[in-house]
C-alpha atoms as a PDB file:
ATOM      1  CA  MET A   1      -1.069  18.723 -13.211  1.00  0.00           C
ATOM      2  CA  GLU A   2       0.941  15.734 -12.113  1.00  0.00           C
ATOM      3  CA  PHE A   3      -0.562  12.321 -11.528  1.00  0.00           C
ATOM      4  CA  LEU A   4       0.943   9.545  -9.415  1.00  0.00           C
ATOM      5  CA  VAL A   5       4.520   8.700 -10.429  1.00  0.00           C
ATOM      6  CA  PRO A   6       5.340   5.416  -8.637  1.00  0.00           C
ATOM      7  CA  ASP A   7       9.121   5.536  -9.157  1.00  0.00           C
ATOM      8  CA  GLU A   8       9.327   9.063  -7.717  1.00  0.00           C
ATOM      9  CA  ILE A   9       7.122   8.182  -4.753  1.00  0.00           C
ATOM     10  CA  ILE A  10       9.130   5.051  -3.972  1.00  0.00           C
ATOM     11  CA  LYS A  11      12.357   7.097  -3.942  1.00  0.00           C
ATOM     12  CA  SER A  12      10.858   9.249  -1.173  1.00  0.00           C
ATOM     13  CA  LEU A  13      10.012   6.259   1.043  1.00  0.00           C
ATOM     14  CA  THR A  14      12.396   4.694   3.565  1.00  0.00           C
ATOM     15  CA  LEU A  15      12.827   1.389   1.745  1.00  0.00           C
ATOM     16  CA  GLU A  16      15.999  -0.656   1.835  1.00  0.00           C
ATOM     17  CA  ASN A  17      17.408  -3.618  -0.004  1.00  0.00           C
ATOM     18  CA  GLY A  18      16.158  -6.845   1.572  1.00  0.00           C
ATOM     19  CA  MET A  19      12.901  -5.473   2.995  1.00  0.00           C
ATOM     20  CA  ILE A  20       9.631  -7.405   2.951  1.00  0.00           C
ATOM     21  CA  VAL A  21       6.877  -5.209   1.485  1.00  0.00           C
ATOM     22  CA  ALA A  22       3.132  -5.780   1.113  1.00  0.00           C
ATOM     23  CA  ASP A  23       1.406  -3.823  -1.655  1.00  0.00           C
ATOM     24  CA  ILE A  24      -2.190  -4.147  -0.480  1.00  0.00           C
ATOM     25  CA  GLY A  25      -4.708  -3.370  -3.190  1.00  0.00           C
ATOM     26  CA  ALA A  26      -1.926  -3.771  -5.745  1.00  0.00           C
ATOM     27  CA  GLY A  27      -4.272  -3.155  -8.670  1.00  0.00           C
ATOM     28  CA  SER A  28      -2.423  -2.850 -11.971  1.00  0.00           C
ATOM     29  CA  GLY A  29       0.964  -3.360 -10.310  1.00  0.00           C
ATOM     30  CA  ALA A  30       2.057   0.241 -10.854  1.00  0.00           C
ATOM     31  CA  PHE A  31       3.834   0.094  -7.492  1.00  0.00           C
ATOM     32  CA  ALA A  32       4.533  -3.651  -7.096  1.00  0.00           C
ATOM     33  CA  ILE A  33       7.095  -3.852  -9.905  1.00  0.00           C
ATOM     34  CA  PRO A  34       9.106  -0.734  -8.910  1.00  0.00           C
ATOM     35  CA  LEU A  35       8.913  -1.831  -5.252  1.00  0.00           C
ATOM     36  CA  ALA A  36      10.376  -5.217  -6.208  1.00  0.00           C
ATOM     37  CA  ARG A  37      13.265  -3.523  -8.010  1.00  0.00           C
ATOM     38  CA  ASN A  38      13.827  -1.277  -4.994  1.00  0.00           C
ATOM     39  CA  VAL A  39      14.042  -4.034  -2.352  1.00  0.00           C
ATOM     40  CA  GLY A  40      16.253  -6.195  -4.586  1.00  0.00           C
ATOM     41  CA  ASP A  41      16.684  -9.949  -4.796  1.00  0.00           C
ATOM     42  CA  GLY A  42      17.079 -10.207  -1.015  1.00  0.00           C
ATOM     43  CA  GLY A  43      13.689  -8.592  -0.485  1.00  0.00           C
ATOM     44  CA  LYS A  44      10.160  -9.588  -1.344  1.00  0.00           C
ATOM     45  CA  VAL A  45       7.009  -7.841  -2.477  1.00  0.00           C
ATOM     46  CA  TYR A  46       3.637  -9.383  -1.780  1.00  0.00           C
ATOM     47  CA  ALA A  47       1.196  -8.061  -4.393  1.00  0.00           C
ATOM     48  CA  ILE A  48      -2.178  -8.473  -2.687  1.00  0.00           C
ATOM     49  CA  ASP A  49      -5.528  -7.827  -4.304  1.00  0.00           C
ATOM     50  CA  ILE A  50      -9.083  -9.144  -4.219  1.00  0.00           C
ATOM     51  CA  ASN A  51      -9.287  -9.037  -8.039  1.00  0.00           C
ATOM     52  CA  LYS A  52      -7.703 -12.114  -9.633  1.00  0.00           C
ATOM     53  CA  GLU A  53      -7.389 -10.537 -13.101  1.00  0.00           C
ATOM     54  CA  VAL A  54      -5.062  -7.757 -11.960  1.00  0.00           C
ATOM     55  CA  LEU A  55      -2.876 -10.277 -10.155  1.00  0.00           C
ATOM     56  CA  VAL A  56      -2.434 -12.250 -13.388  1.00  0.00           C
ATOM     57  CA  LYS A  57      -1.131  -9.061 -15.022  1.00  0.00           C
ATOM     58  CA  ILE A  58       1.292  -8.351 -12.159  1.00  0.00           C
ATOM     59  CA  LYS A  59       2.637 -11.909 -12.318  1.00  0.00           C
ATOM     60  CA  LYS A  60       3.178 -11.561 -16.085  1.00  0.00           C
ATOM     61  CA  ASP A  61       4.830  -8.142 -15.692  1.00  0.00           C
ATOM     62  CA  ALA A  62       7.159  -9.427 -12.949  1.00  0.00           C
ATOM     63  CA  LYS A  63       8.188 -12.370 -15.119  1.00  0.00           C
ATOM     64  CA  GLU A  64       8.852 -10.086 -18.107  1.00  0.00           C
ATOM     65  CA  ALA A  65      10.971  -7.839 -15.859  1.00  0.00           C
ATOM     66  CA  ASN A  66      12.946 -10.875 -14.573  1.00  0.00           C
ATOM     67  CA  LEU A  67      11.785 -10.193 -11.012  1.00  0.00           C
ATOM     68  CA  SER A  68      11.588 -13.329  -8.908  1.00  0.00           C
ATOM     69  CA  ASN A  69      10.828 -11.457  -5.674  1.00  0.00           C
ATOM     70  CA  VAL A  70       7.144 -10.723  -6.371  1.00  0.00           C
ATOM     71  CA  GLU A  71       4.617 -13.052  -4.786  1.00  0.00           C
ATOM     72  CA  ILE A  72       0.981 -12.827  -5.829  1.00  0.00           C
ATOM     73  CA  ILE A  73      -1.689 -13.222  -3.134  1.00  0.00           C
ATOM     74  CA  TRP A  74      -5.400 -13.238  -3.909  1.00  0.00           C
ATOM     75  CA  ALA A  75      -6.936 -12.007  -0.674  1.00  0.00           C
ATOM     76  CA  ASN A  76      -9.389  -9.804   1.171  1.00  0.00           C
ATOM     77  CA  ALA A  77      -7.241  -7.566   3.369  1.00  0.00           C
ATOM     78  CA  GLU A  78     -10.266  -6.213   5.247  1.00  0.00           C
ATOM     79  CA  VAL A  79     -10.671  -9.336   7.381  1.00  0.00           C
ATOM     80  CA  LYS A  80      -8.456 -10.844  10.087  1.00  0.00           C
ATOM     81  CA  ASP A  81      -5.798 -13.093   8.515  1.00  0.00           C
ATOM     82  CA  GLY A  82      -7.186 -12.071   5.125  1.00  0.00           C
ATOM     83  CA  THR A  83      -3.761 -11.305   3.634  1.00  0.00           C
ATOM     84  CA  LYS A  84      -2.641 -14.857   4.488  1.00  0.00           C
ATOM     85  CA  LEU A  85       0.623 -13.416   5.846  1.00  0.00           C
ATOM     86  CA  SER A  86       2.073 -14.219   9.260  1.00  0.00           C
ATOM     87  CA  ASP A  87       1.898 -11.874  12.236  1.00  0.00           C
ATOM     88  CA  ASN A  88       4.757  -9.340  12.365  1.00  0.00           C
ATOM     89  CA  SER A  89       6.204 -10.544   9.042  1.00  0.00           C
ATOM     90  CA  VAL A  90       6.312  -7.369   6.913  1.00  0.00           C
ATOM     91  CA  ASP A  91       8.638  -4.350   7.128  1.00  0.00           C
ATOM     92  CA  PHE A  92       6.605  -1.969   4.993  1.00  0.00           C
ATOM     93  CA  VAL A  93       3.037  -1.786   3.641  1.00  0.00           C
ATOM     94  CA  LEU A  94       1.850   0.344   0.748  1.00  0.00           C
ATOM     95  CA  VAL A  95      -1.835   1.180   0.409  1.00  0.00           C
ATOM     96  CA  SER A  96      -2.531   3.285  -2.675  1.00  0.00           C
ATOM     97  CA  ASN A  97      -6.026   4.365  -3.723  1.00  0.00           C
ATOM     98  CA  LEU A  98      -7.590   1.720  -1.510  1.00  0.00           C
ATOM     99  CA  LEU A  99      -9.073   3.458   1.535  1.00  0.00           C
ATOM    100  CA  PHE A 100     -11.837   5.082  -0.490  1.00  0.00           C
ATOM    101  CA  GLN A 101     -12.845   1.623  -1.779  1.00  0.00           C
ATOM    102  CA  ALA A 102     -12.575  -0.280   1.510  1.00  0.00           C
ATOM    103  CA  GLU A 103     -15.891  -1.295   3.011  1.00  0.00           C
ATOM    104  CA  ASP A 104     -14.305  -2.137   6.388  1.00  0.00           C
ATOM    105  CA  LYS A 105     -11.566   0.449   6.858  1.00  0.00           C
ATOM    106  CA  LYS A 106     -11.062  -0.520  10.509  1.00  0.00           C
ATOM    107  CA  GLY A 107     -10.673  -4.183   9.520  1.00  0.00           C
ATOM    108  CA  LEU A 108      -8.091  -3.186   6.890  1.00  0.00           C
ATOM    109  CA  VAL A 109      -6.078  -1.168   9.421  1.00  0.00           C
ATOM    110  CA  GLU A 110      -6.220  -4.029  11.933  1.00  0.00           C
ATOM    111  CA  GLU A 111      -4.950  -6.505   9.318  1.00  0.00           C
ATOM    112  CA  ILE A 112      -2.123  -4.133   8.378  1.00  0.00           C
ATOM    113  CA  SER A 113      -1.204  -3.769  12.043  1.00  0.00           C
ATOM    114  CA  ARG A 114      -1.213  -7.560  12.460  1.00  0.00           C
ATOM    115  CA  ILE A 115       1.217  -8.242   9.588  1.00  0.00           C
ATOM    116  CA  LEU A 116       3.565  -5.314  10.224  1.00  0.00           C
ATOM    117  CA  LYS A 117       6.641  -5.858  12.361  1.00  0.00           C
ATOM    118  CA  PRO A 118       7.061  -3.595  15.395  1.00  0.00           C
ATOM    119  CA  LYS A 119       8.262  -0.199  14.102  1.00  0.00           C
ATOM    120  CA  GLY A 120       7.156  -1.253  10.613  1.00  0.00           C
ATOM    121  CA  MET A 121       5.772   1.448   8.357  1.00  0.00           C
ATOM    122  CA  ILE A 122       2.798   1.993   6.090  1.00  0.00           C
ATOM    123  CA  ALA A 123       2.588   4.506   3.273  1.00  0.00           C
ATOM    124  CA  VAL A 124      -0.934   5.675   2.490  1.00  0.00           C
ATOM    125  CA  ILE A 125      -1.614   7.308  -0.871  1.00  0.00           C
ATOM    126  CA  GLU A 126      -5.134   8.526  -1.320  1.00  0.00           C
ATOM    127  CA  TRP A 127      -7.181  10.932  -3.417  1.00  0.00           C
ATOM    128  CA  LYS A 128      -7.376  14.545  -2.176  1.00  0.00           C
ATOM    129  CA  GLY A 129     -10.798  14.962  -3.769  1.00  0.00           C
ATOM    130  CA  SER A 130     -13.125  13.901  -6.550  1.00  0.00           C
ATOM    131  CA  PHE A 131     -11.844  16.420  -9.128  1.00  0.00           C
ATOM    132  CA  GLY A 132     -15.051  16.469 -11.119  1.00  0.00           C
ATOM    133  CA  GLY A 133     -15.180  12.702 -11.485  1.00  0.00           C
ATOM    134  CA  ILE A 134     -11.508  11.960 -12.177  1.00  0.00           C
ATOM    135  CA  GLY A 135     -11.240  10.512  -8.686  1.00  0.00           C
ATOM    136  CA  PRO A 136     -13.762   8.662  -6.541  1.00  0.00           C
ATOM    137  CA  LYS A 137     -17.225  10.005  -5.777  1.00  0.00           C
ATOM    138  CA  GLU A 138     -16.947  12.944  -3.386  1.00  0.00           C
ATOM    139  CA  SER A 139     -18.773  10.934  -0.699  1.00  0.00           C
ATOM    140  CA  ALA A 140     -16.124   8.181  -0.895  1.00  0.00           C
ATOM    141  CA  VAL A 141     -13.039  10.415  -0.584  1.00  0.00           C
ATOM    142  CA  VAL A 142     -11.036   9.715   2.593  1.00  0.00           C
ATOM    143  CA  SER A 143      -9.439  12.987   3.665  1.00  0.00           C
ATOM    144  CA  GLU A 144      -5.929  13.125   5.044  1.00  0.00           C
ATOM    145  CA  SER A 145      -7.292  13.953   8.500  1.00  0.00           C
ATOM    146  CA  GLU A 146      -9.656  10.949   8.317  1.00  0.00           C
ATOM    147  CA  ALA A 147      -6.718   8.694   7.352  1.00  0.00           C
ATOM    148  CA  GLN A 148      -4.639  10.097  10.208  1.00  0.00           C
ATOM    149  CA  LYS A 149      -7.449   9.396  12.663  1.00  0.00           C
ATOM    150  CA  LEU A 150      -7.986   5.910  11.262  1.00  0.00           C
ATOM    151  CA  PHE A 151      -4.341   4.967  11.725  1.00  0.00           C
ATOM    152  CA  SER A 152      -3.688   6.932  14.919  1.00  0.00           C
ATOM    153  CA  ASP A 153      -6.575   5.091  16.575  1.00  0.00           C
ATOM    154  CA  SER A 154      -4.875   1.809  15.688  1.00  0.00           C
ATOM    155  CA  LEU A 155      -1.437   1.884  17.297  1.00  0.00           C
ATOM    156  CA  PHE A 156       0.258   3.950  14.596  1.00  0.00           C
ATOM    157  CA  ALA A 157       1.918   7.358  14.699  1.00  0.00           C
ATOM    158  CA  GLU A 158       2.485   9.699  11.790  1.00  0.00           C
ATOM    159  CA  TYR A 159       6.087   9.462  10.606  1.00  0.00           C
ATOM    160  CA  ASN A 160       6.163  11.877   7.663  1.00  0.00           C
ATOM    161  CA  LYS A 161       4.381  13.138   4.578  1.00  0.00           C
ATOM    162  CA  PHE A 162       5.508  12.930   0.972  1.00  0.00           C
ATOM    163  CA  ASN A 163       4.533  14.412  -2.375  1.00  0.00           C
ATOM    164  CA  ALA A 164       2.124  12.091  -4.171  1.00  0.00           C
ATOM    165  CA  GLY A 165       1.251  14.427  -7.054  1.00  0.00           C
ATOM    166  CA  ASP A 166      -1.435  17.033  -7.496  1.00  0.00           C
ATOM    167  CA  TYR A 167      -4.440  14.741  -6.970  1.00  0.00           C
ATOM    168  CA  HIS A 168      -3.225  12.625  -4.037  1.00  0.00           C
ATOM    169  CA  TYR A 169      -1.749  13.001  -0.580  1.00  0.00           C
ATOM    170  CA  GLY A 170       0.896  10.722   0.892  1.00  0.00           C
ATOM    171  CA  VAL A 171       1.450   9.937   4.582  1.00  0.00           C
ATOM    172  CA  VAL A 172       3.738   7.397   6.240  1.00  0.00           C
ATOM    173  CA  PHE A 173       2.743   5.955   9.599  1.00  0.00           C
ATOM    174  CA  VAL A 174       4.933   3.842  11.895  1.00  0.00           C
ATOM    175  CA  LYS A 175       3.615   0.996  14.029  1.00  0.00           C
ATOM    176  CA  ILE A 176       4.286   1.979  17.624  1.00  0.00           C
ATOM    177  CA  LYS A 177       3.162  -1.218  19.387  1.00  0.00           C
END
């Protein structure tokens, strides 16, 4: 069984050198650091999380990796202007293992829509199930169809799907308005 492999997932996304990326719910930084390498010095990765401790680790890891394009933002992305980013300022958003934790999923989607540029994209990686307690509680799992409805109701269209390992699904949505 294969778990999330950030480098492999990032290769399957439509990222380019110079892009501005927001890793919302950045957690341990498993994606933030590889994303920063992928978008290069001309790009930027905003590592956004509500937990200050994980952001300290990401900042340390970015420094150790000689990455100057990672910016740490302590924020609640479930409220309007919560990410502290400008309207239409981000090319790509990554949300990994966050939907099942979000108390205000609609607020999160609205904030993502606000910061994404027109035709910007969001990659959603989420648990397929609980897997006997490896993942979230069964009642907290956000199915792929629920995620599609959540984003489709909010000015997004499905762009493609990608392999996110045996325990997760991956879907990319594009902002259509």
